[in-house]
Amino acid sequence: MVLIYSLIAVVALGLIFGLVLMFLRNKKGAVDTLFAEARQQENSGRYEEALTGYENALAEINKVKFQKKLKEQIDTKIKLLRSLIDDRHYSKLPKLKS
């Protein structure tokens, strides 16, 4: 009788663990989709839109907290895009005459 209860408990824990993993995998898919869209925007030259996409992906990663390597990669991309956008902005400003 104890063996049957033990078996039921193990099966129940396995199902719960499986459902949690499935939920986390779906969250990871959303992050991957946002990251891919942002990369597409970046490759198309639309840097402001890419920056927004990377920031959205980073917000999703902060909810999941399991993808440290991807988070570091997105942080690097955000820093690079911000400096690129700033450089483009400052290069359009008129030069000061000395």
N, C-alpha and C. Protein backbone atom coordinates (compact mmCIF):
# COMPACT_ATOMS: atom_id res chain seq x y z
N MET A 1 0.81 -1.18 0.00
CA MET A 1 0.00 0.00 0.00
C MET A 1 0.87 1.27 0.00
N VAL A 2 1.94 1.24 0.80
CA VAL A 2 2.84 2.39 0.86
C VAL A 2 3.52 2.57 -0.49
N LEU A 3 3.81 1.49 -1.18
CA LEU A 3 4.44 1.55 -2.49
C LEU A 3 3.54 2.26 -3.50
N ILE A 4 2.27 2.02 -3.45
CA ILE A 4 1.33 2.67 -4.37
C ILE A 4 1.27 4.17 -4.10
N TYR A 5 1.22 4.57 -2.82
CA TYR A 5 1.20 6.00 -2.49
C TYR A 5 2.50 6.67 -2.92
N SER A 6 3.61 5.99 -2.75
CA SER A 6 4.90 6.53 -3.16
C SER A 6 4.93 6.71 -4.67
N LEU A 7 4.44 5.75 -5.40
CA LEU A 7 4.41 5.82 -6.85
C LEU A 7 3.52 6.97 -7.33
N ILE A 8 2.39 7.15 -6.69
CA ILE A 8 1.49 8.25 -7.05
C ILE A 8 2.16 9.60 -6.77
N ALA A 9 2.86 9.70 -5.65
CA ALA A 9 3.55 10.94 -5.30
C ALA A 9 4.65 11.26 -6.31
N VAL A 10 5.41 10.24 -6.73
CA VAL A 10 6.49 10.44 -7.71
C VAL A 10 5.91 10.88 -9.05
N VAL A 11 4.83 10.26 -9.48
CA VAL A 11 4.19 10.63 -10.74
C VAL A 11 3.65 12.06 -10.67
N ALA A 12 3.03 12.41 -9.57
CA ALA A 12 2.49 13.77 -9.41
C ALA A 12 3.61 14.80 -9.44
N LEU A 13 4.71 14.53 -8.73
CA LEU A 13 5.84 15.46 -8.74
C LEU A 13 6.44 15.57 -10.14
N GLY A 14 6.50 14.46 -10.86
CA GLY A 14 7.01 14.48 -12.23
C GLY A 14 6.14 15.33 -13.14
N LEU A 15 4.83 15.23 -12.99
CA LEU A 15 3.91 16.04 -13.79
C LEU A 15 4.06 17.53 -13.47
N ILE A 16 4.17 17.85 -12.20
CA ILE A 16 4.34 19.25 -11.81
C ILE A 16 5.66 19.79 -12.36
N PHE A 17 6.72 19.02 -12.24
CA PHE A 17 8.02 19.44 -12.75
C PHE A 17 7.96 19.62 -14.27
N GLY A 18 7.30 18.73 -14.96
CA GLY A 18 7.15 18.84 -16.42
C GLY A 18 6.38 20.08 -16.83
N LEU A 19 5.31 20.40 -16.11
CA LEU A 19 4.53 21.59 -16.41
C LEU A 19 5.32 22.87 -16.18
N VAL A 20 6.10 22.89 -15.11
CA VAL A 20 6.94 24.07 -14.84
C VAL A 20 7.97 24.24 -15.95
N LEU A 21 8.62 23.18 -16.37
CA LEU A 21 9.59 23.27 -17.45
C LEU A 21 8.94 23.73 -18.75
N MET A 22 7.77 23.24 -19.04
CA MET A 22 7.06 23.64 -20.25
C MET A 22 6.72 25.13 -20.20
N PHE A 23 6.31 25.62 -19.05
CA PHE A 23 6.01 27.04 -18.90
C PHE A 23 7.26 27.89 -19.11
N LEU A 24 8.38 27.46 -18.53
CA LEU A 24 9.62 28.21 -18.69
C LEU A 24 10.11 28.19 -20.13
N ARG A 25 9.91 27.10 -20.81
CA ARG A 25 10.30 27.01 -22.21
C ARG A 25 9.50 27.97 -23.07
N ASN A 26 8.23 28.11 -22.79
CA ASN A 26 7.39 29.05 -23.54
C ASN A 26 7.83 30.48 -23.30
N LYS A 27 8.21 30.81 -22.10
CA LYS A 27 8.71 32.14 -21.80
C LYS A 27 10.00 32.40 -22.57
N LYS A 28 10.85 31.40 -22.66
CA LYS A 28 12.10 31.52 -23.39
C LYS A 28 11.83 31.79 -24.86
N GLY A 29 10.79 31.20 -25.40
CA GLY A 29 10.43 31.41 -26.80
C GLY A 29 10.06 32.86 -27.07
N ALA A 30 9.38 33.50 -26.14
CA ALA A 30 9.01 34.90 -26.30
C ALA A 30 10.26 35.77 -26.34
N VAL A 31 11.22 35.47 -25.49
CA VAL A 31 12.48 36.22 -25.47
C VAL A 31 13.22 36.03 -26.78
N ASP A 32 13.28 34.80 -27.25
CA ASP A 32 13.97 34.53 -28.50
C ASP A 32 13.32 35.25 -29.67
N THR A 33 12.00 35.32 -29.67
CA THR A 33 11.28 36.01 -30.73
C THR A 33 11.59 37.51 -30.70
N LEU A 34 11.55 38.10 -29.52
CA LEU A 34 11.87 39.53 -29.39
C LEU A 34 13.30 39.82 -29.81
N PHE A 35 14.21 38.93 -29.42
CA PHE A 35 15.62 39.11 -29.76
C PHE A 35 15.81 39.01 -31.27
N ALA A 36 15.16 38.05 -31.91
CA ALA A 36 15.29 37.87 -33.36
C ALA A 36 14.72 39.08 -34.11
N GLU A 37 13.59 39.59 -33.66
CA GLU A 37 13.00 40.76 -34.30
C GLU A 37 13.90 41.99 -34.15
N ALA A 38 14.49 42.16 -32.97
CA ALA A 38 15.39 43.29 -32.74
C ALA A 38 16.63 43.16 -33.61
N ARG A 39 17.15 41.96 -33.74
CA ARG A 39 18.32 41.75 -34.59
C ARG A 39 17.99 42.07 -36.05
N GLN A 40 16.79 41.71 -36.48
CA GLN A 40 16.37 42.02 -37.84
C GLN A 40 16.30 43.53 -38.05
N GLN A 41 15.77 44.24 -37.08
CA GLN A 41 15.70 45.70 -37.16
C GLN A 41 17.10 46.30 -37.22
N GLU A 42 17.99 45.76 -36.43
CA GLU A 42 19.36 46.26 -36.41
C GLU A 42 20.04 46.04 -37.76
N ASN A 43 19.85 44.88 -38.33
CA ASN A 43 20.45 44.58 -39.62
C ASN A 43 19.86 45.43 -40.73
N SER A 44 18.62 45.89 -40.56
CA SER A 44 17.98 46.74 -41.56
C SER A 44 18.38 48.20 -41.41
N GLY A 45 19.11 48.53 -40.36
CA GLY A 45 19.54 49.90 -40.15
C GLY A 45 18.59 50.74 -39.33
N ARG A 46 17.56 50.16 -38.79
CA ARG A 46 16.61 50.88 -37.95
C ARG A 46 17.03 50.69 -36.49
N TYR A 47 18.00 51.49 -36.08
CA TYR A 47 18.65 51.28 -34.79
C TYR A 47 17.76 51.65 -33.60
N GLU A 48 16.94 52.68 -33.75
CA GLU A 48 16.06 53.06 -32.63
C GLU A 48 15.03 51.96 -32.35
N GLU A 49 14.49 51.39 -33.41
CA GLU A 49 13.52 50.30 -33.24
C GLU A 49 14.21 49.05 -32.68
N ALA A 50 15.44 48.81 -33.11
CA ALA A 50 16.19 47.66 -32.60
C ALA A 50 16.48 47.84 -31.11
N LEU A 51 16.82 49.06 -30.72
CA LEU A 51 17.08 49.34 -29.31
C LEU A 51 15.84 49.06 -28.47
N THR A 52 14.67 49.47 -28.96
CA THR A 52 13.42 49.21 -28.25
C THR A 52 13.17 47.70 -28.15
N GLY A 53 13.43 46.98 -29.25
CA GLY A 53 13.24 45.53 -29.24
C GLY A 53 14.16 44.83 -28.26
N TYR A 54 15.42 45.25 -28.22
CA TYR A 54 16.37 44.65 -27.26
C TYR A 54 15.96 44.96 -25.83
N GLU A 55 15.48 46.17 -25.59
CA GLU A 55 15.05 46.52 -24.23
C GLU A 55 13.83 45.69 -23.81
N ASN A 56 12.92 45.44 -24.75
CA ASN A 56 11.77 44.58 -24.45
C ASN A 56 12.22 43.15 -24.15
N ALA A 57 13.17 42.65 -24.93
CA ALA A 57 13.70 41.30 -24.69
C ALA A 57 14.38 41.22 -23.33
N LEU A 58 15.11 42.27 -22.97
CA LEU A 58 15.77 42.30 -21.66
C LEU A 58 14.76 42.30 -20.53
N ALA A 59 13.66 43.02 -20.71
CA ALA A 59 12.60 43.03 -19.69
C ALA A 59 12.00 41.63 -19.53
N GLU A 60 11.82 40.91 -20.62
CA GLU A 60 11.30 39.54 -20.55
C GLU A 60 12.31 38.61 -19.88
N ILE A 61 13.59 38.80 -20.16
CA ILE A 61 14.62 37.95 -19.54
C ILE A 61 14.65 38.17 -18.04
N ASN A 62 14.46 39.41 -17.62
CA ASN A 62 14.46 39.70 -16.18
C ASN A 62 13.30 39.00 -15.47
N LYS A 63 12.22 38.72 -16.19
CA LYS A 63 11.11 37.98 -15.61
C LYS A 63 11.46 36.50 -15.44
N VAL A 64 12.20 35.94 -16.40
CA VAL A 64 12.51 34.52 -16.38
C VAL A 64 13.74 34.22 -15.52
N LYS A 65 14.80 35.01 -15.66
CA LYS A 65 16.03 34.93 -14.87
C LYS A 65 16.82 33.63 -15.05
N PHE A 66 16.71 32.96 -16.19
CA PHE A 66 17.46 31.74 -16.39
C PHE A 66 18.47 31.84 -17.53
N GLN A 67 18.49 32.95 -18.24
CA GLN A 67 19.31 33.06 -19.43
C GLN A 67 20.38 34.13 -19.25
N LYS A 68 21.36 33.83 -18.44
CA LYS A 68 22.38 34.81 -18.09
C LYS A 68 23.22 35.19 -19.31
N LYS A 69 23.58 34.23 -20.13
CA LYS A 69 24.42 34.51 -21.29
C LYS A 69 23.70 35.40 -22.30
N LEU A 70 22.44 35.12 -22.56
CA LEU A 70 21.66 35.95 -23.48
C LEU A 70 21.46 37.34 -22.91
N LYS A 71 21.28 37.44 -21.61
CA LYS A 71 21.13 38.74 -20.97
C LYS A 71 22.38 39.59 -21.16
N GLU A 72 23.55 38.99 -20.98
CA GLU A 72 24.81 39.71 -21.19
C GLU A 72 24.95 40.15 -22.63
N GLN A 73 24.54 39.29 -23.56
CA GLN A 73 24.62 39.61 -24.98
C GLN A 73 23.70 40.79 -25.32
N ILE A 74 22.52 40.79 -24.77
CA ILE A 74 21.57 41.88 -25.02
C ILE A 74 22.06 43.17 -24.39
N ASP A 75 22.63 43.10 -23.17
CA ASP A 75 23.20 44.29 -22.54
C ASP A 75 24.27 44.92 -23.42
N THR A 76 25.13 44.09 -23.98
CA THR A 76 26.19 44.58 -24.86
C THR A 76 25.59 45.25 -26.10
N LYS A 77 24.58 44.62 -26.69
CA LYS A 77 23.93 45.19 -27.88
C LYS A 77 23.28 46.54 -27.55
N ILE A 78 22.65 46.64 -26.39
CA ILE A 78 21.99 47.89 -26.00
C ILE A 78 23.03 49.00 -25.84
N LYS A 79 24.14 48.70 -25.19
CA LYS A 79 25.19 49.71 -25.02
C LYS A 79 25.74 50.15 -26.37
N LEU A 80 25.96 49.22 -27.26
CA LEU A 80 26.49 49.53 -28.58
C LEU A 80 25.51 50.39 -29.37
N LEU A 81 24.24 50.02 -29.35
CA LEU A 81 23.24 50.79 -30.10
C LEU A 81 23.06 52.19 -29.53
N ARG A 82 23.09 52.32 -28.23
CA ARG A 82 22.95 53.65 -27.63
C ARG A 82 24.11 54.55 -28.05
N SER A 83 25.34 54.01 -28.03
CA SER A 83 26.47 54.83 -28.45
C SER A 83 26.40 55.13 -29.94
N LEU A 84 25.94 54.20 -30.75
CA LEU A 84 25.80 54.42 -32.18
C LEU A 84 24.75 55.50 -32.47
N ILE A 85 23.63 55.44 -31.78
CA ILE A 85 22.58 56.43 -31.97
C ILE A 85 23.07 57.80 -31.52
N ASP A 86 23.78 57.86 -30.39
CA ASP A 86 24.33 59.14 -29.92
C ASP A 86 25.33 59.71 -30.92
N ASP A 87 26.18 58.86 -31.46
CA ASP A 87 27.16 59.32 -32.45
C ASP A 87 26.48 59.86 -33.69
N ARG A 88 25.44 59.18 -34.14
CA ARG A 88 24.69 59.66 -35.32
C ARG A 88 24.03 60.99 -35.01
N HIS A 89 23.51 61.13 -33.80
CA HIS A 89 22.84 62.38 -33.42
C HIS A 89 23.85 63.52 -33.39
N TYR A 90 25.00 63.29 -32.78
CA TYR A 90 25.99 64.36 -32.65
C TYR A 90 26.67 64.67 -33.97
N SER A 91 26.73 63.73 -34.88
CA SER A 91 27.34 64.01 -36.18
C SER A 91 26.43 64.89 -37.04
N LYS A 92 25.13 64.92 -36.74
CA LYS A 92 24.20 65.76 -37.49
C LYS A 92 24.17 67.20 -36.97
N LEU A 93 24.70 67.43 -35.80
CA LEU A 93 24.71 68.78 -35.24
C LEU A 93 25.68 69.66 -36.03
N PRO A 94 25.38 70.92 -36.17
CA PRO A 94 26.31 71.81 -36.89
C PRO A 94 27.62 71.97 -36.12
N LYS A 95 28.70 72.08 -36.86
CA LYS A 95 30.02 72.24 -36.24
C LYS A 95 30.16 73.68 -35.70
N LEU A 96 30.85 73.78 -34.57
CA LEU A 96 31.11 75.09 -33.99
C LEU A 96 32.32 75.72 -34.69
N LYS A 97 32.20 76.97 -34.99
CA LYS A 97 33.33 77.69 -35.64
C LYS A 97 34.23 78.21 -34.55
N SER A 98 35.51 78.02 -34.75
CA SER A 98 36.45 78.50 -33.74
C SER A 98 37.23 79.69 -34.23
